[in-house]
């Protein structure tokens, strides 16, 4: 089995979170991710894509945290504040492009 794309990994996590939230409260009858198909799976994948797209722009707290990353002594380091935000956007863009390969 190949590694899932980030979009599928997030969709699976949302599905599992929904199942966990409903566990013991009701017989939710939600199928496992492996047997989920059709429109309900498509809805989870679309929701996952939207969630990842919403994360493309880092918040101020995320930028601040990224700017505090410490590199080992002697490592080349330039404008980490700018680089962290750009790296974040590039990683999100790569995650969104995975399903199109």
N, C-alpha and C. Protein backbone atom coordinates (compact mmCIF):
# COMPACT_ATOMS: atom_id res chain seq x y z
N UNK A 1 0.84 -1.18 0.00
CA UNK A 1 0.00 0.00 0.00
C UNK A 1 0.88 1.24 0.00
N UNK A 2 0.57 2.19 -0.85
CA UNK A 2 1.37 3.41 -0.92
C UNK A 2 0.96 4.37 0.20
N UNK A 3 1.84 5.31 0.46
CA UNK A 3 1.53 6.31 1.48
C UNK A 3 0.39 7.18 0.99
N UNK A 4 -0.54 7.52 1.88
CA UNK A 4 -1.64 8.39 1.46
C UNK A 4 -1.13 9.81 1.25
N UNK A 5 -1.84 10.56 0.42
CA UNK A 5 -1.53 11.98 0.27
C UNK A 5 -1.91 12.67 1.57
N UNK A 6 -1.46 13.89 1.76
CA UNK A 6 -1.83 14.64 2.96
C UNK A 6 -3.34 14.88 2.98
N UNK A 7 -3.93 15.11 1.82
CA UNK A 7 -5.37 15.33 1.75
C UNK A 7 -6.11 14.10 2.27
N UNK A 8 -5.69 12.92 1.84
CA UNK A 8 -6.34 11.70 2.32
C UNK A 8 -6.06 11.46 3.80
N UNK A 9 -4.84 11.75 4.25
CA UNK A 9 -4.52 11.56 5.67
C UNK A 9 -5.39 12.45 6.54
N UNK A 10 -5.62 13.69 6.12
CA UNK A 10 -6.46 14.60 6.89
C UNK A 10 -7.91 14.14 6.84
N UNK A 11 -8.39 13.72 5.68
CA UNK A 11 -9.76 13.23 5.56
C UNK A 11 -9.98 12.02 6.46
N UNK A 12 -9.01 11.11 6.48
CA UNK A 12 -9.10 9.93 7.34
C UNK A 12 -9.15 10.34 8.81
N UNK A 13 -8.32 11.31 9.20
CA UNK A 13 -8.30 11.77 10.58
C UNK A 13 -9.63 12.42 10.96
N UNK A 14 -10.23 13.18 10.05
CA UNK A 14 -11.54 13.78 10.31
C UNK A 14 -12.57 12.67 10.49
N UNK A 15 -12.55 11.68 9.62
CA UNK A 15 -13.49 10.56 9.71
C UNK A 15 -13.33 9.83 11.04
N UNK A 16 -12.09 9.53 11.40
CA UNK A 16 -11.84 8.81 12.65
C UNK A 16 -12.23 9.66 13.86
N UNK A 17 -12.02 10.96 13.78
CA UNK A 17 -12.42 11.85 14.85
C UNK A 17 -13.93 11.88 15.01
N UNK A 18 -14.65 11.87 13.88
CA UNK A 18 -16.11 11.83 13.93
C UNK A 18 -16.58 10.53 14.57
N UNK A 19 -15.97 9.42 14.17
CA UNK A 19 -16.35 8.12 14.75
C UNK A 19 -16.07 8.09 16.24
N UNK A 20 -14.91 8.63 16.67
CA UNK A 20 -14.58 8.65 18.09
C UNK A 20 -15.55 9.52 18.87
N UNK A 21 -15.93 10.65 18.28
CA UNK A 21 -16.86 11.56 18.97
C UNK A 21 -18.22 10.92 19.17
N UNK A 22 -18.59 10.05 18.25
CA UNK A 22 -19.90 9.40 18.32
C UNK A 22 -19.88 8.07 19.06
N UNK A 23 -18.69 7.54 19.30
CA UNK A 23 -18.57 6.23 19.94
C UNK A 23 -19.27 6.22 21.29
N UNK A 24 -20.09 5.22 21.49
CA UNK A 24 -20.78 5.05 22.76
C UNK A 24 -22.00 5.93 22.93
N UNK A 25 -22.17 6.92 22.07
CA UNK A 25 -23.31 7.81 22.19
C UNK A 25 -24.49 7.32 21.37
N UNK A 26 -24.16 6.65 20.30
CA UNK A 26 -25.20 6.18 19.40
C UNK A 26 -24.60 5.11 18.50
N UNK A 27 -25.43 4.35 17.87
CA UNK A 27 -24.95 3.41 16.85
C UNK A 27 -24.86 4.21 15.56
N UNK A 28 -23.72 4.92 15.44
CA UNK A 28 -23.59 5.85 14.32
C UNK A 28 -23.57 5.16 12.96
N UNK A 29 -23.18 3.92 12.91
CA UNK A 29 -23.20 3.18 11.65
C UNK A 29 -22.26 3.71 10.58
N UNK A 30 -21.28 4.51 10.97
CA UNK A 30 -20.33 5.03 9.99
C UNK A 30 -19.39 3.90 9.57
N UNK A 31 -19.20 3.72 8.28
CA UNK A 31 -18.28 2.67 7.83
C UNK A 31 -16.83 3.07 8.12
N UNK A 32 -15.95 2.09 8.13
CA UNK A 32 -14.54 2.39 8.30
C UNK A 32 -14.05 3.16 7.08
N UNK A 33 -12.93 3.83 7.21
CA UNK A 33 -12.38 4.59 6.09
C UNK A 33 -12.14 3.67 4.90
N UNK A 34 -11.67 2.46 5.16
CA UNK A 34 -11.35 1.53 4.08
C UNK A 34 -12.58 1.14 3.27
N UNK A 35 -13.75 1.11 3.90
CA UNK A 35 -14.96 0.72 3.19
C UNK A 35 -15.81 1.92 2.78
N UNK A 36 -15.38 3.11 3.19
CA UNK A 36 -16.12 4.33 2.85
C UNK A 36 -15.92 4.61 1.36
N UNK A 37 -16.97 4.93 0.67
CA UNK A 37 -16.84 5.21 -0.76
C UNK A 37 -17.91 6.18 -1.19
N UNK A 38 -17.85 6.56 -2.44
CA UNK A 38 -18.88 7.42 -3.01
C UNK A 38 -18.86 8.83 -2.47
N UNK A 39 -20.04 9.40 -2.41
CA UNK A 39 -20.15 10.82 -2.08
C UNK A 39 -19.68 11.15 -0.68
N UNK A 40 -19.90 10.26 0.29
CA UNK A 40 -19.46 10.58 1.65
C UNK A 40 -17.93 10.67 1.72
N UNK A 41 -17.23 9.81 0.99
CA UNK A 41 -15.76 9.88 0.94
C UNK A 41 -15.34 11.15 0.20
N UNK A 42 -16.03 11.45 -0.89
CA UNK A 42 -15.72 12.66 -1.66
C UNK A 42 -15.91 13.92 -0.81
N UNK A 43 -16.95 13.93 0.02
CA UNK A 43 -17.20 15.08 0.90
C UNK A 43 -16.07 15.24 1.91
N UNK A 44 -15.62 14.13 2.50
CA UNK A 44 -14.50 14.20 3.44
C UNK A 44 -13.22 14.69 2.76
N UNK A 45 -12.96 14.21 1.55
CA UNK A 45 -11.77 14.64 0.82
C UNK A 45 -11.86 16.13 0.47
N UNK A 46 -13.05 16.59 0.07
CA UNK A 46 -13.24 18.02 -0.24
C UNK A 46 -13.07 18.87 1.02
N UNK A 47 -13.59 18.39 2.13
CA UNK A 47 -13.43 19.10 3.39
C UNK A 47 -11.97 19.16 3.82
N UNK A 48 -11.27 18.07 3.62
CA UNK A 48 -9.85 18.00 3.93
C UNK A 48 -9.08 19.01 3.10
N UNK A 49 -9.34 19.04 1.81
CA UNK A 49 -8.67 19.99 0.90
C UNK A 49 -8.94 21.42 1.36
N UNK A 50 -10.20 21.73 1.70
CA UNK A 50 -10.55 23.08 2.14
C UNK A 50 -9.82 23.45 3.43
N UNK A 51 -9.72 22.48 4.35
CA UNK A 51 -9.03 22.73 5.62
C UNK A 51 -7.55 23.02 5.38
N UNK A 52 -6.93 22.25 4.50
CA UNK A 52 -5.51 22.47 4.20
C UNK A 52 -5.31 23.82 3.51
N UNK A 53 -6.20 24.15 2.58
CA UNK A 53 -6.11 25.45 1.90
C UNK A 53 -6.24 26.59 2.91
N UNK A 54 -7.11 26.43 3.91
CA UNK A 54 -7.30 27.46 4.93
C UNK A 54 -6.04 27.66 5.77
N UNK A 55 -5.20 26.64 5.82
CA UNK A 55 -3.97 26.71 6.62
C UNK A 55 -2.79 27.32 5.84
N UNK A 56 -3.01 27.68 4.58
CA UNK A 56 -1.89 28.13 3.74
C UNK A 56 -1.20 29.38 4.30
N UNK A 57 -1.97 30.31 4.83
CA UNK A 57 -1.38 31.52 5.40
C UNK A 57 -1.15 31.30 6.89
N UNK A 58 0.10 31.32 7.33
CA UNK A 58 0.37 31.10 8.74
C UNK A 58 -0.17 32.26 9.59
N UNK A 59 -0.62 31.92 10.78
CA UNK A 59 -1.07 32.95 11.71
C UNK A 59 0.16 33.65 12.29
N UNK A 60 -0.07 34.74 13.00
CA UNK A 60 1.05 35.45 13.64
C UNK A 60 1.77 34.54 14.61
N UNK A 61 1.03 33.73 15.36
CA UNK A 61 1.66 32.82 16.32
C UNK A 61 2.51 31.77 15.60
N UNK A 62 2.04 31.29 14.46
CA UNK A 62 2.82 30.31 13.69
C UNK A 62 4.09 30.96 13.16
N UNK A 63 3.98 32.16 12.62
CA UNK A 63 5.16 32.86 12.10
C UNK A 63 6.17 33.10 13.20
N UNK A 64 5.67 33.50 14.37
CA UNK A 64 6.55 33.75 15.51
C UNK A 64 7.28 32.47 15.91
N UNK A 65 6.54 31.36 15.99
CA UNK A 65 7.15 30.09 16.36
C UNK A 65 8.18 29.66 15.32
N UNK A 66 7.85 29.82 14.04
CA UNK A 66 8.79 29.45 12.98
C UNK A 66 10.05 30.31 13.01
N UNK A 67 9.89 31.56 13.42
CA UNK A 67 11.04 32.46 13.50
C UNK A 67 11.95 32.17 14.67
N UNK A 68 11.49 31.36 15.62
CA UNK A 68 12.32 31.01 16.78
C UNK A 68 13.04 29.68 16.63
N UNK A 69 12.92 29.06 15.47
CA UNK A 69 13.62 27.79 15.26
C UNK A 69 15.12 28.04 15.37
N UNK A 70 15.78 27.21 16.16
CA UNK A 70 17.22 27.36 16.34
C UNK A 70 17.95 26.32 15.51
N UNK A 71 18.96 26.78 14.82
CA UNK A 71 19.79 25.90 14.01
C UNK A 71 21.06 25.58 14.78
N UNK A 72 21.61 24.39 14.54
CA UNK A 72 22.88 24.05 15.21
C UNK A 72 23.96 25.08 14.86
N UNK A 73 24.89 25.27 15.77
CA UNK A 73 25.98 26.22 15.55
C UNK A 73 26.67 25.92 14.23
N UNK A 74 26.93 26.97 13.48
CA UNK A 74 27.62 26.82 12.21
C UNK A 74 26.71 26.59 11.02
N UNK A 75 25.44 26.31 11.25
CA UNK A 75 24.50 26.13 10.14
C UNK A 75 24.22 27.49 9.50
N UNK A 76 24.08 27.49 8.19
CA UNK A 76 23.76 28.72 7.48
C UNK A 76 22.33 29.12 7.82
N UNK A 77 22.10 30.38 8.10
CA UNK A 77 20.79 30.85 8.51
C UNK A 77 20.61 32.27 7.99
N UNK A 78 19.52 32.50 7.27
CA UNK A 78 19.23 33.86 6.82
C UNK A 78 17.76 34.14 7.06
N UNK A 79 17.47 35.30 7.46
CA UNK A 79 16.11 35.79 7.62
C UNK A 79 15.10 34.68 7.88
N UNK A 80 15.25 33.99 8.98
CA UNK A 80 14.41 32.84 9.27
C UNK A 80 12.93 33.22 9.34
N UNK A 81 12.63 34.44 9.78
CA UNK A 81 11.22 34.86 9.84
C UNK A 81 10.57 34.76 8.46
N UNK A 82 11.24 35.29 7.45
CA UNK A 82 10.71 35.23 6.09
C UNK A 82 10.74 33.80 5.57
N UNK A 83 11.84 33.11 5.79
CA UNK A 83 12.00 31.77 5.25
C UNK A 83 10.99 30.80 5.84
N UNK A 84 10.67 30.92 7.10
CA UNK A 84 9.71 30.00 7.73
C UNK A 84 8.34 30.14 7.09
N UNK A 85 7.88 31.36 6.87
CA UNK A 85 6.57 31.57 6.24
C UNK A 85 6.56 31.04 4.81
N UNK A 86 7.62 31.31 4.07
CA UNK A 86 7.69 30.83 2.69
C UNK A 86 7.77 29.31 2.63
N UNK A 87 8.53 28.72 3.55
CA UNK A 87 8.63 27.25 3.59
C UNK A 87 7.27 26.66 3.92
N UNK A 88 6.55 27.25 4.85
CA UNK A 88 5.21 26.76 5.23
C UNK A 88 4.29 26.77 4.01
N UNK A 89 4.25 27.90 3.30
CA UNK A 89 3.39 28.00 2.11
C UNK A 89 3.78 26.97 1.05
N UNK A 90 5.07 26.78 0.86
CA UNK A 90 5.54 25.81 -0.12
C UNK A 90 5.12 24.39 0.26
N UNK A 91 5.18 24.07 1.55
CA UNK A 91 4.78 22.73 2.00
C UNK A 91 3.28 22.52 1.83
N UNK A 92 2.48 23.55 2.14
CA UNK A 92 1.03 23.44 1.96
C UNK A 92 0.71 23.29 0.47
N UNK A 93 1.36 24.08 -0.37
CA UNK A 93 1.14 23.97 -1.82
C UNK A 93 1.50 22.57 -2.32
N UNK A 94 2.57 22.00 -1.80
CA UNK A 94 2.97 20.64 -2.20
C UNK A 94 1.93 19.62 -1.76
N UNK A 95 1.38 19.79 -0.56
CA UNK A 95 0.35 18.86 -0.07
C UNK A 95 -0.89 18.94 -0.96
N UNK A 96 -1.25 20.14 -1.38
CA UNK A 96 -2.44 20.31 -2.22
C UNK A 96 -2.21 19.77 -3.64
N UNK A 97 -0.96 19.75 -4.07
CA UNK A 97 -0.64 19.26 -5.42
C UNK A 97 -0.47 17.75 -5.48
N UNK A 98 -0.32 17.08 -4.31
CA UNK A 98 -0.05 15.64 -4.28
C UNK A 98 -1.10 14.84 -5.03
N UNK A 99 -2.37 15.17 -4.85
CA UNK A 99 -3.42 14.36 -5.46
C UNK A 99 -3.46 14.50 -6.97
N UNK A 100 -2.80 15.50 -7.51
CA UNK A 100 -2.84 15.74 -8.94
C UNK A 100 -1.71 15.04 -9.68
N UNK A 101 -0.82 14.37 -8.94
CA UNK A 101 0.32 13.69 -9.59
C UNK A 101 -0.11 12.38 -10.17
